[in-house]
């Protein structure tokens, strides 16, 4: 896993873990950053990262994005066999 800040524009990743204080975790979860959620990176500008998550466009600060650990969709697919009803990455 790697922090969301290390992704590139145009990448699709899966949320693997949310770190930080309880208040930060709660705020990120309310925005849709939960384990298993697909995140599409739209832009990284002025210290913020703009993503599509759960059919919404969200901007998070660089500090908050450091707390969001993600995996590439391909890595997740190769690592675990697909269970019935499991989330897959689609473009």
C-alpha atoms as a PDB file:
ATOM      1  CA  UNK A   1       0.000   0.000   0.000  1.00  0.00           C
ATOM      2  CA  UNK A   2       1.018   3.598  -0.563  1.00  0.00           C
ATOM      3  CA  UNK A   3      -0.396   7.013   0.381  1.00  0.00           C
ATOM      4  CA  UNK A   4      -2.863   8.604  -2.025  1.00  0.00           C
ATOM      5  CA  UNK A   5      -0.347  11.436  -2.480  1.00  0.00           C
ATOM      6  CA  UNK A   6       1.947   9.096  -4.464  1.00  0.00           C
ATOM      7  CA  UNK A   7      -0.645   8.369  -7.157  1.00  0.00           C
ATOM      8  CA  UNK A   8      -0.690  10.056 -10.540  1.00  0.00           C
ATOM      9  CA  UNK A   9      -3.470  11.886 -12.314  1.00  0.00           C
ATOM     10  CA  UNK A  10      -5.635   9.394 -14.188  1.00  0.00           C
ATOM     11  CA  UNK A  11      -4.944   6.440 -11.875  1.00  0.00           C
ATOM     12  CA  UNK A  12      -7.691   4.324 -10.378  1.00  0.00           C
ATOM     13  CA  UNK A  13      -6.895   2.850  -6.969  1.00  0.00           C
ATOM     14  CA  UNK A  14      -8.640   1.095  -4.095  1.00  0.00           C
ATOM     15  CA  UNK A  15      -8.686   2.371  -0.522  1.00  0.00           C
ATOM     16  CA  UNK A  16      -6.835  -0.114   1.664  1.00  0.00           C
ATOM     17  CA  UNK A  17      -6.617   1.663   5.014  1.00  0.00           C
ATOM     18  CA  UNK A  18      -7.329   5.025   6.642  1.00  0.00           C
ATOM     19  CA  UNK A  19      -4.828   6.279   9.202  1.00  0.00           C
ATOM     20  CA  UNK A  20      -4.692   9.263  11.524  1.00  0.00           C
ATOM     21  CA  UNK A  21      -6.682  10.413  14.528  1.00  0.00           C
ATOM     22  CA  UNK A  22     -10.280   9.303  14.988  1.00  0.00           C
ATOM     23  CA  UNK A  23     -11.547  12.732  13.934  1.00  0.00           C
ATOM     24  CA  UNK A  24      -9.575  12.595  10.672  1.00  0.00           C
ATOM     25  CA  UNK A  25     -10.678   9.024   9.978  1.00  0.00           C
ATOM     26  CA  UNK A  26     -14.306   9.975  10.601  1.00  0.00           C
ATOM     27  CA  UNK A  27     -14.129  12.974   8.280  1.00  0.00           C
ATOM     28  CA  UNK A  28     -12.577  10.883   5.489  1.00  0.00           C
ATOM     29  CA  UNK A  29     -15.135   8.104   5.951  1.00  0.00           C
ATOM     30  CA  UNK A  30     -17.980  10.634   5.678  1.00  0.00           C
ATOM     31  CA  UNK A  31     -16.483  11.761   2.355  1.00  0.00           C
ATOM     32  CA  UNK A  32     -16.578   8.150   1.110  1.00  0.00           C
ATOM     33  CA  UNK A  33     -13.014   7.020   1.804  1.00  0.00           C
ATOM     34  CA  UNK A  34     -13.765   3.579   3.224  1.00  0.00           C
ATOM     35  CA  UNK A  35     -11.808   0.342   2.765  1.00  0.00           C
ATOM     36  CA  UNK A  36     -12.508  -1.107  -0.669  1.00  0.00           C
ATOM     37  CA  UNK A  37     -13.794   2.110  -2.260  1.00  0.00           C
ATOM     38  CA  UNK A  38     -12.586   2.896  -5.776  1.00  0.00           C
ATOM     39  CA  UNK A  39     -10.858   6.252  -6.163  1.00  0.00           C
ATOM     40  CA  UNK A  40     -10.094   7.892  -9.528  1.00  0.00           C
ATOM     41  CA  UNK A  41      -7.461  10.647  -9.297  1.00  0.00           C
ATOM     42  CA  UNK A  42      -8.577  13.647 -11.376  1.00  0.00           C
ATOM     43  CA  UNK A  43      -5.950  16.256 -10.482  1.00  0.00           C
ATOM     44  CA  UNK A  44      -3.268  17.264  -8.015  1.00  0.00           C
ATOM     45  CA  UNK A  45      -3.055  21.032  -7.716  1.00  0.00           C
ATOM     46  CA  UNK A  46      -2.012  23.584  -5.107  1.00  0.00           C
ATOM     47  CA  UNK A  47      -1.463  20.943  -2.449  1.00  0.00           C
ATOM     48  CA  UNK A  48      -4.908  19.374  -2.912  1.00  0.00           C
ATOM     49  CA  UNK A  49      -5.867  16.130  -4.590  1.00  0.00           C
ATOM     50  CA  UNK A  50      -9.134  16.033  -6.522  1.00  0.00           C
ATOM     51  CA  UNK A  51     -10.706  12.589  -6.904  1.00  0.00           C
ATOM     52  CA  UNK A  52     -13.909  10.901  -7.967  1.00  0.00           C
ATOM     53  CA  UNK A  53     -15.180   8.608  -5.243  1.00  0.00           C
ATOM     54  CA  UNK A  54     -18.619   7.040  -5.047  1.00  0.00           C
ATOM     55  CA  UNK A  55     -19.940   9.158  -7.917  1.00  0.00           C
ATOM     56  CA  UNK A  56     -18.815  12.408  -6.263  1.00  0.00           C
ATOM     57  CA  UNK A  57     -15.922  14.755  -6.930  1.00  0.00           C
ATOM     58  CA  UNK A  58     -13.981  15.468  -3.735  1.00  0.00           C
ATOM     59  CA  UNK A  59     -10.886  17.572  -2.998  1.00  0.00           C
ATOM     60  CA  UNK A  60      -8.746  16.585  -0.016  1.00  0.00           C
ATOM     61  CA  UNK A  61      -5.716  18.347   1.394  1.00  0.00           C
ATOM     62  CA  UNK A  62      -2.285  16.835   0.975  1.00  0.00           C
ATOM     63  CA  UNK A  63      -2.168  16.204   4.737  1.00  0.00           C
ATOM     64  CA  UNK A  64      -5.433  14.243   4.664  1.00  0.00           C
ATOM     65  CA  UNK A  65      -4.400  12.372   1.490  1.00  0.00           C
ATOM     66  CA  UNK A  66      -1.271  11.162   3.310  1.00  0.00           C
ATOM     67  CA  UNK A  67      -3.579   9.291   5.715  1.00  0.00           C
ATOM     68  CA  UNK A  68      -5.348   7.402   2.892  1.00  0.00           C
ATOM     69  CA  UNK A  69      -3.445   4.238   1.966  1.00  0.00           C
ATOM     70  CA  UNK A  70      -4.326   2.774  -1.422  1.00  0.00           C
ATOM     71  CA  UNK A  71      -3.421  -0.098  -3.738  1.00  0.00           C
ATOM     72  CA  UNK A  72      -3.471  -0.211  -7.513  1.00  0.00           C
ATOM     73  CA  UNK A  73      -6.452  -2.083  -8.896  1.00  0.00           C
ATOM     74  CA  UNK A  74      -4.201  -4.523 -10.760  1.00  0.00           C
ATOM     75  CA  UNK A  75      -2.286  -5.421  -7.578  1.00  0.00           C
ATOM     76  CA  UNK A  76      -5.494  -6.109  -5.708  1.00  0.00           C
ATOM     77  CA  UNK A  77      -6.805  -8.301  -8.512  1.00  0.00           C
ATOM     78  CA  UNK A  78      -3.612 -10.361  -8.653  1.00  0.00           C
ATOM     79  CA  UNK A  79      -3.277 -10.697  -4.881  1.00  0.00           C
ATOM     80  CA  UNK A  80      -6.649 -12.203  -4.038  1.00  0.00           C
ATOM     81  CA  UNK A  81      -9.011 -14.407  -6.036  1.00  0.00           C
ATOM     82  CA  UNK A  82     -12.293 -12.695  -6.787  1.00  0.00           C
ATOM     83  CA  UNK A  83     -14.982 -13.619  -4.321  1.00  0.00           C
ATOM     84  CA  UNK A  84     -18.601 -13.626  -5.355  1.00  0.00           C
ATOM     85  CA  UNK A  85     -19.823 -10.022  -5.325  1.00  0.00           C
ATOM     86  CA  UNK A  86     -16.331  -8.610  -4.760  1.00  0.00           C
ATOM     87  CA  UNK A  87     -15.521  -5.111  -5.974  1.00  0.00           C
ATOM     88  CA  UNK A  88     -13.563  -4.876  -9.227  1.00  0.00           C
ATOM     89  CA  UNK A  89     -11.959  -1.892 -10.859  1.00  0.00           C
ATOM     90  CA  UNK A  90     -13.615  -0.640 -14.005  1.00  0.00           C
ATOM     91  CA  UNK A  91     -12.942   2.391 -16.160  1.00  0.00           C
END
